[in-house]
Amino acid sequence: MTITPSTIPALSKHVPWNKGKIVGAKPPLRPKHVWSIRTKLQVEGRMRDLALFNVAIDSKLRGCDVVALKVDDLAPGDIRPTVRPSDRRRPAGQSNLN
């Protein structure tokens, strides 16, 4: 009697990268979390990251929209800069559902 190899492949021991992690939409940051992030960035002297974080929080833009901003897209304001809408983009905070 000869033993023939199985035609069913052996199960892989590969573990998915997101096993046990929460997937889907995340809850928004609470004000105490926003202020703790701002404080940490300021204490560490990371002014560029602090400025990008402030623009992202204040304008309610998504991360992919914030990193696509150029210096010319920002208009100086009283305390924090505001995002100046360009011809290629909708103003901040507007959705495409009207």
N, C-alpha and C. Protein backbone atom coordinates (compact mmCIF):
# COMPACT_ATOMS: atom_id res chain seq x y z
N MET A 1 0.83 -1.16 0.00
CA MET A 1 0.00 0.00 0.00
C MET A 1 0.90 1.25 0.00
N THR A 2 0.66 2.12 -0.96
CA THR A 2 1.45 3.35 -1.05
C THR A 2 0.60 4.51 -0.55
N ILE A 3 1.27 5.43 0.06
CA ILE A 3 0.58 6.62 0.58
C ILE A 3 0.74 7.72 -0.46
N THR A 4 -0.40 8.23 -0.92
CA THR A 4 -0.36 9.32 -1.90
C THR A 4 -0.49 10.65 -1.17
N PRO A 5 0.24 11.66 -1.64
CA PRO A 5 0.13 12.97 -0.99
C PRO A 5 -1.27 13.54 -1.18
N SER A 6 -1.71 14.27 -0.21
CA SER A 6 -3.03 14.87 -0.26
C SER A 6 -3.06 16.00 -1.29
N THR A 7 -4.17 16.13 -1.97
CA THR A 7 -4.32 17.23 -2.93
C THR A 7 -4.77 18.51 -2.25
N ILE A 8 -5.14 18.42 -1.00
CA ILE A 8 -5.55 19.61 -0.25
C ILE A 8 -4.30 20.23 0.37
N PRO A 9 -4.03 21.50 0.05
CA PRO A 9 -2.83 22.12 0.62
C PRO A 9 -2.95 22.29 2.13
N ALA A 10 -1.84 22.26 2.79
CA ALA A 10 -1.81 22.44 4.24
C ALA A 10 -2.21 23.88 4.57
N LEU A 11 -2.90 24.05 5.68
CA LEU A 11 -3.32 25.39 6.08
C LEU A 11 -2.11 26.22 6.47
N SER A 12 -2.12 27.44 6.04
CA SER A 12 -1.02 28.35 6.32
C SER A 12 -1.09 28.85 7.76
N LYS A 13 0.05 29.11 8.34
CA LYS A 13 0.12 29.64 9.70
C LYS A 13 0.14 31.17 9.71
N HIS A 14 -0.21 31.77 8.55
CA HIS A 14 -0.19 33.23 8.41
C HIS A 14 -1.27 33.87 9.29
N VAL A 15 -0.88 34.89 10.06
CA VAL A 15 -1.82 35.60 10.92
C VAL A 15 -2.11 36.95 10.28
N PRO A 16 -3.39 37.31 10.07
CA PRO A 16 -3.72 38.61 9.48
C PRO A 16 -3.18 39.75 10.33
N TRP A 17 -2.78 40.84 9.67
CA TRP A 17 -2.19 41.98 10.38
C TRP A 17 -3.20 42.64 11.31
N ASN A 18 -4.51 42.53 11.00
CA ASN A 18 -5.50 43.22 11.82
C ASN A 18 -6.28 42.29 12.74
N LYS A 19 -5.75 41.11 13.00
CA LYS A 19 -6.43 40.17 13.90
C LYS A 19 -6.46 40.73 15.31
N GLY A 20 -7.65 40.82 15.86
CA GLY A 20 -7.82 41.32 17.21
C GLY A 20 -7.87 42.83 17.32
N LYS A 21 -7.78 43.55 16.21
CA LYS A 21 -7.82 45.00 16.23
C LYS A 21 -9.21 45.48 15.82
N ILE A 22 -9.56 46.66 16.28
CA ILE A 22 -10.84 47.24 15.91
C ILE A 22 -10.73 47.78 14.49
N VAL A 23 -11.65 47.37 13.64
CA VAL A 23 -11.65 47.85 12.26
C VAL A 23 -12.84 48.75 12.06
N GLY A 24 -12.79 49.57 11.02
CA GLY A 24 -13.89 50.47 10.72
C GLY A 24 -13.62 51.88 11.22
N ALA A 25 -14.68 52.66 11.26
CA ALA A 25 -14.56 54.07 11.65
C ALA A 25 -14.19 54.18 13.13
N LYS A 26 -13.28 55.07 13.42
CA LYS A 26 -12.85 55.30 14.79
C LYS A 26 -13.64 56.47 15.38
N PRO A 27 -13.83 56.49 16.68
CA PRO A 27 -14.54 57.63 17.27
C PRO A 27 -13.69 58.89 17.18
N PRO A 28 -14.34 60.07 17.14
CA PRO A 28 -13.56 61.31 17.06
C PRO A 28 -12.78 61.56 18.34
N LEU A 29 -11.74 62.38 18.22
CA LEU A 29 -10.95 62.73 19.40
C LEU A 29 -11.77 63.59 20.35
N ARG A 30 -11.59 63.36 21.63
CA ARG A 30 -12.25 64.18 22.64
C ARG A 30 -11.39 65.42 22.87
N PRO A 31 -12.00 66.50 23.36
CA PRO A 31 -11.21 67.73 23.58
C PRO A 31 -9.99 67.52 24.47
N LYS A 32 -10.09 66.66 25.49
CA LYS A 32 -8.92 66.45 26.36
C LYS A 32 -7.80 65.75 25.60
N HIS A 33 -8.14 64.89 24.64
CA HIS A 33 -7.11 64.25 23.83
C HIS A 33 -6.44 65.26 22.90
N VAL A 34 -7.26 66.14 22.31
CA VAL A 34 -6.71 67.17 21.41
C VAL A 34 -5.72 68.05 22.17
N TRP A 35 -6.10 68.49 23.37
CA TRP A 35 -5.22 69.35 24.13
C TRP A 35 -3.97 68.62 24.61
N SER A 36 -4.08 67.34 24.93
CA SER A 36 -2.89 66.61 25.35
C SER A 36 -1.92 66.43 24.18
N ILE A 37 -2.45 66.20 22.97
CA ILE A 37 -1.58 66.10 21.79
C ILE A 37 -0.91 67.43 21.51
N ARG A 38 -1.69 68.52 21.58
CA ARG A 38 -1.12 69.85 21.34
C ARG A 38 -0.02 70.15 22.35
N THR A 39 -0.26 69.85 23.61
CA THR A 39 0.73 70.12 24.66
C THR A 39 2.00 69.30 24.44
N LYS A 40 1.83 68.02 24.11
CA LYS A 40 3.00 67.16 23.89
C LYS A 40 3.84 67.66 22.72
N LEU A 41 3.19 68.05 21.61
CA LEU A 41 3.92 68.56 20.46
C LEU A 41 4.64 69.85 20.79
N GLN A 42 4.00 70.70 21.59
CA GLN A 42 4.62 71.98 21.95
C GLN A 42 5.81 71.77 22.88
N VAL A 43 5.69 70.87 23.85
CA VAL A 43 6.79 70.60 24.79
C VAL A 43 7.99 70.02 24.05
N GLU A 44 7.72 69.15 23.06
CA GLU A 44 8.81 68.54 22.30
C GLU A 44 9.38 69.48 21.24
N GLY A 45 8.77 70.66 21.06
CA GLY A 45 9.28 71.63 20.10
C GLY A 45 9.02 71.27 18.65
N ARG A 46 8.01 70.46 18.40
CA ARG A 46 7.68 70.03 17.03
C ARG A 46 6.66 71.00 16.44
N MET A 47 7.11 72.19 16.07
CA MET A 47 6.23 73.26 15.63
C MET A 47 5.53 72.93 14.30
N ARG A 48 6.23 72.27 13.38
CA ARG A 48 5.62 71.91 12.10
C ARG A 48 4.47 70.95 12.33
N ASP A 49 4.69 69.92 13.14
CA ASP A 49 3.64 68.95 13.42
C ASP A 49 2.48 69.59 14.18
N LEU A 50 2.79 70.52 15.07
CA LEU A 50 1.75 71.23 15.81
C LEU A 50 0.91 72.08 14.87
N ALA A 51 1.57 72.75 13.93
CA ALA A 51 0.82 73.57 12.97
C ALA A 51 -0.08 72.71 12.09
N LEU A 52 0.44 71.59 11.60
CA LEU A 52 -0.39 70.70 10.78
C LEU A 52 -1.55 70.13 11.59
N PHE A 53 -1.30 69.78 12.84
CA PHE A 53 -2.35 69.25 13.70
C PHE A 53 -3.43 70.30 13.92
N ASN A 54 -3.03 71.54 14.20
CA ASN A 54 -4.00 72.62 14.41
C ASN A 54 -4.83 72.87 13.16
N VAL A 55 -4.19 72.87 12.00
CA VAL A 55 -4.94 73.07 10.75
C VAL A 55 -5.93 71.93 10.54
N ALA A 56 -5.49 70.71 10.80
CA ALA A 56 -6.37 69.56 10.59
C ALA A 56 -7.57 69.60 11.53
N ILE A 57 -7.35 69.91 12.79
CA ILE A 57 -8.44 69.94 13.77
C ILE A 57 -9.37 71.11 13.51
N ASP A 58 -8.81 72.29 13.27
CA ASP A 58 -9.64 73.48 13.13
C ASP A 58 -10.42 73.51 11.82
N SER A 59 -9.88 72.92 10.77
CA SER A 59 -10.56 72.97 9.47
C SER A 59 -11.41 71.74 9.22
N LYS A 60 -11.28 70.71 10.07
CA LYS A 60 -12.02 69.45 9.93
C LYS A 60 -11.72 68.74 8.61
N LEU A 61 -10.49 68.91 8.15
CA LEU A 61 -10.06 68.21 6.94
C LEU A 61 -9.59 66.81 7.30
N ARG A 62 -9.64 65.91 6.32
CA ARG A 62 -9.09 64.57 6.52
C ARG A 62 -7.57 64.64 6.37
N GLY A 63 -6.91 63.60 6.85
CA GLY A 63 -5.45 63.56 6.81
C GLY A 63 -4.90 63.67 5.41
N CYS A 64 -5.54 63.00 4.45
CA CYS A 64 -5.04 63.05 3.07
C CYS A 64 -5.18 64.44 2.47
N ASP A 65 -6.18 65.22 2.94
CA ASP A 65 -6.34 66.59 2.45
C ASP A 65 -5.33 67.53 3.11
N VAL A 66 -5.00 67.27 4.36
CA VAL A 66 -4.04 68.13 5.07
C VAL A 66 -2.66 68.00 4.45
N VAL A 67 -2.22 66.77 4.17
CA VAL A 67 -0.87 66.60 3.62
C VAL A 67 -0.77 67.14 2.19
N ALA A 68 -1.91 67.30 1.51
CA ALA A 68 -1.89 67.84 0.15
C ALA A 68 -1.86 69.36 0.13
N LEU A 69 -2.03 70.01 1.30
CA LEU A 69 -2.04 71.46 1.36
C LEU A 69 -0.67 72.03 1.03
N LYS A 70 -0.69 73.19 0.43
CA LYS A 70 0.53 73.94 0.18
C LYS A 70 0.47 75.22 1.01
N VAL A 71 1.60 75.87 1.18
CA VAL A 71 1.65 77.08 2.00
C VAL A 71 0.71 78.14 1.42
N ASP A 72 0.60 78.23 0.11
CA ASP A 72 -0.26 79.23 -0.52
C ASP A 72 -1.75 78.99 -0.25
N ASP A 73 -2.11 77.77 0.15
CA ASP A 73 -3.51 77.46 0.44
C ASP A 73 -3.96 78.00 1.79
N LEU A 74 -3.01 78.43 2.63
CA LEU A 74 -3.33 78.93 3.96
C LEU A 74 -3.35 80.44 3.96
N ALA A 75 -4.42 81.00 4.51
CA ALA A 75 -4.53 82.45 4.65
C ALA A 75 -4.31 82.79 6.11
N PRO A 76 -3.47 83.78 6.40
CA PRO A 76 -3.22 84.11 7.80
C PRO A 76 -4.48 84.63 8.47
N GLY A 77 -4.69 84.21 9.70
CA GLY A 77 -5.85 84.65 10.47
C GLY A 77 -5.38 85.34 11.73
N ASP A 78 -6.30 85.50 12.69
CA ASP A 78 -5.94 86.16 13.94
C ASP A 78 -4.99 85.30 14.76
N ILE A 79 -5.43 84.07 15.08
CA ILE A 79 -4.61 83.20 15.92
C ILE A 79 -4.07 82.04 15.11
N ARG A 80 -4.96 81.39 14.36
CA ARG A 80 -4.57 80.24 13.56
C ARG A 80 -4.90 80.51 12.10
N PRO A 81 -4.12 79.96 11.20
CA PRO A 81 -4.42 80.18 9.79
C PRO A 81 -5.71 79.45 9.39
N THR A 82 -6.37 79.98 8.39
CA THR A 82 -7.56 79.33 7.85
C THR A 82 -7.22 78.81 6.46
N VAL A 83 -7.95 77.80 6.04
CA VAL A 83 -7.69 77.22 4.73
C VAL A 83 -8.43 78.02 3.69
N ARG A 84 -7.69 78.53 2.72
CA ARG A 84 -8.27 79.29 1.63
C ARG A 84 -8.65 78.31 0.52
N PRO A 85 -9.94 78.25 0.13
CA PRO A 85 -10.32 77.31 -0.92
C PRO A 85 -9.69 77.69 -2.26
N SER A 86 -9.26 76.69 -2.99
CA SER A 86 -8.71 76.95 -4.32
C SER A 86 -9.72 76.53 -5.36
N ASP A 87 -9.43 76.77 -6.60
CA ASP A 87 -10.35 76.42 -7.69
C ASP A 87 -10.49 74.91 -7.84
N ARG A 88 -9.48 74.18 -7.42
CA ARG A 88 -9.48 72.72 -7.61
C ARG A 88 -10.19 71.99 -6.48
N ARG A 89 -10.43 72.66 -5.36
CA ARG A 89 -10.96 71.99 -4.17
C ARG A 89 -12.18 72.71 -3.66
N ARG A 90 -13.06 71.97 -3.00
CA ARG A 90 -14.19 72.56 -2.30
C ARG A 90 -13.67 73.20 -1.02
N PRO A 91 -14.38 74.21 -0.49
CA PRO A 91 -13.95 74.79 0.79
C PRO A 91 -13.99 73.75 1.90
N ALA A 92 -13.19 73.97 2.91
CA ALA A 92 -13.10 73.02 4.02
C ALA A 92 -14.44 72.84 4.70
N GLY A 93 -14.74 71.61 5.05
CA GLY A 93 -15.95 71.31 5.77
C GLY A 93 -17.17 71.06 4.91
N GLN A 94 -17.08 71.27 3.61
CA GLN A 94 -18.23 71.01 2.74
C GLN A 94 -18.13 69.62 2.17
N SER A 95 -19.24 68.92 2.16
CA SER A 95 -19.25 67.59 1.57
C SER A 95 -19.71 67.69 0.12
N ASN A 96 -19.58 66.59 -0.59
CA ASN A 96 -20.01 66.61 -1.99
C ASN A 96 -21.47 66.24 -2.12
N LEU A 97 -22.16 66.06 -1.00
CA LEU A 97 -23.60 65.79 -1.02
C LEU A 97 -24.36 67.09 -0.78
N ASN A 98 -24.96 67.64 -1.76
CA ASN A 98 -25.73 68.89 -1.58
C ASN A 98 -27.15 68.69 -1.96
